[in-house]
Amino acid sequence: MTTLTDIVARGQAAYEATLPAYLKRQDDLESIPSHINLTLTDERQREICLNCPLADCVDVKDARCPIRIEQRRAWREQNRRRTNG
């Protein structure tokens, strides 16, 4: 089964392949520390996707995407625990 992350990564790679070199993304996601690159489980992403309140699907990079909203909430909670604990 293909994960949502794989689908998004393939779509992004296909899009970036159509761009001129000066517009292609230069940063390497592998270099981002894991404590910053917080992700939700595939099961949780699927659950959020299936219950999405938006009429049309927006990209996961869009601030309105419920997956992204949940990731920000989890990130804030993680940082709150880190500063309080």
Protein backbone atom coordinates (compact mmCIF):
# COMPACT_ATOMS: atom_id res chain seq x y z
CA MET A 1 0.00 0.00 0.00
CA THR A 2 1.35 3.41 -0.96
CA THR A 3 1.56 5.87 1.92
CA LEU A 4 0.32 9.43 1.71
CA THR A 5 3.88 10.64 2.18
CA ASP A 6 5.00 8.61 -0.86
CA ILE A 7 2.16 9.99 -2.98
CA VAL A 8 2.99 13.58 -2.04
CA ALA A 9 6.72 13.04 -2.58
CA ARG A 10 6.17 11.54 -6.04
CA GLY A 11 3.81 14.35 -7.02
CA GLN A 12 6.24 16.97 -5.83
CA ALA A 13 9.15 15.32 -7.66
CA ALA A 14 7.11 15.17 -10.87
CA TYR A 15 6.20 18.85 -10.52
CA GLU A 16 9.77 19.91 -9.75
CA ALA A 17 11.02 18.00 -12.79
CA THR A 18 9.03 20.42 -14.96
CA LEU A 19 10.63 23.52 -13.40
CA PRO A 20 13.72 25.32 -14.70
CA ALA A 21 16.85 24.71 -12.60
CA TYR A 22 16.76 28.10 -10.87
CA LEU A 23 13.27 27.41 -9.48
CA LYS A 24 13.93 23.89 -8.20
CA ARG A 25 14.06 23.38 -4.46
CA GLN A 26 17.60 23.45 -3.18
CA ASP A 27 17.16 22.28 0.39
CA ASP A 28 17.56 18.63 1.32
CA LEU A 29 14.81 17.26 3.55
CA GLU A 30 17.14 14.53 4.79
CA SER A 31 19.27 17.20 6.50
CA ILE A 32 16.39 18.41 8.68
CA PRO A 33 16.77 17.12 12.24
CA SER A 34 14.13 14.57 13.19
CA HIS A 35 12.95 16.64 16.17
CA ILE A 36 11.94 19.40 13.72
CA ASN A 37 10.50 17.15 11.00
CA LEU A 38 7.52 15.93 13.01
CA THR A 39 5.23 13.58 11.12
CA LEU A 40 2.00 11.85 11.95
CA THR A 41 1.51 8.13 11.56
CA ASP A 42 0.11 6.92 8.25
CA GLU A 43 -2.98 5.69 10.08
CA ARG A 44 -3.58 9.12 11.65
CA GLN A 45 -3.04 10.89 8.30
CA ARG A 46 -5.51 8.54 6.62
CA GLU A 47 -8.06 9.14 9.40
CA ILE A 48 -7.71 12.92 9.06
CA CYS A 49 -7.93 12.70 5.25
CA LEU A 50 -11.09 10.60 5.29
CA ASN A 51 -12.76 13.04 7.69
CA CYS A 52 -11.54 16.20 5.94
CA PRO A 53 -14.02 19.09 6.29
CA LEU A 54 -12.77 20.85 3.15
CA ALA A 55 -14.87 20.58 -0.01
CA ASP A 56 -11.80 20.09 -2.23
CA CYS A 57 -8.51 18.49 -1.29
CA VAL A 58 -5.71 21.01 -0.84
CA ASP A 59 -2.04 20.14 -0.86
CA VAL A 60 -0.61 19.02 2.46
CA LYS A 61 1.68 22.06 2.28
CA ASP A 62 -1.39 24.34 2.33
CA ALA A 63 -2.00 25.88 5.77
CA ARG A 64 -5.69 24.87 5.58
CA CYS A 65 -4.92 21.15 5.26
CA PRO A 66 -6.17 19.31 8.36
CA ILE A 67 -3.06 17.10 8.34
CA ARG A 68 -0.84 20.15 8.48
CA ILE A 69 -2.99 21.68 11.23
CA GLU A 70 -2.65 18.46 13.25
CA GLN A 71 1.12 18.43 12.66
CA ARG A 72 1.41 22.01 13.96
CA ARG A 73 -0.68 21.11 17.02
CA ALA A 74 1.51 18.07 17.73
CA TRP A 75 4.66 20.16 17.22
CA ARG A 76 3.44 22.82 19.67
CA GLU A 77 2.54 20.15 22.20
CA GLN A 78 5.94 18.48 21.82
CA ASN A 79 7.74 21.81 22.32
CA ARG A 80 5.56 22.65 25.30
CA ARG A 81 6.54 19.34 26.94
CA ARG A 82 10.19 19.97 26.13
CA THR A 83 10.19 23.45 27.73
CA ASN A 84 8.10 22.40 30.74
CA GLY A 85 9.85 19.12 31.39
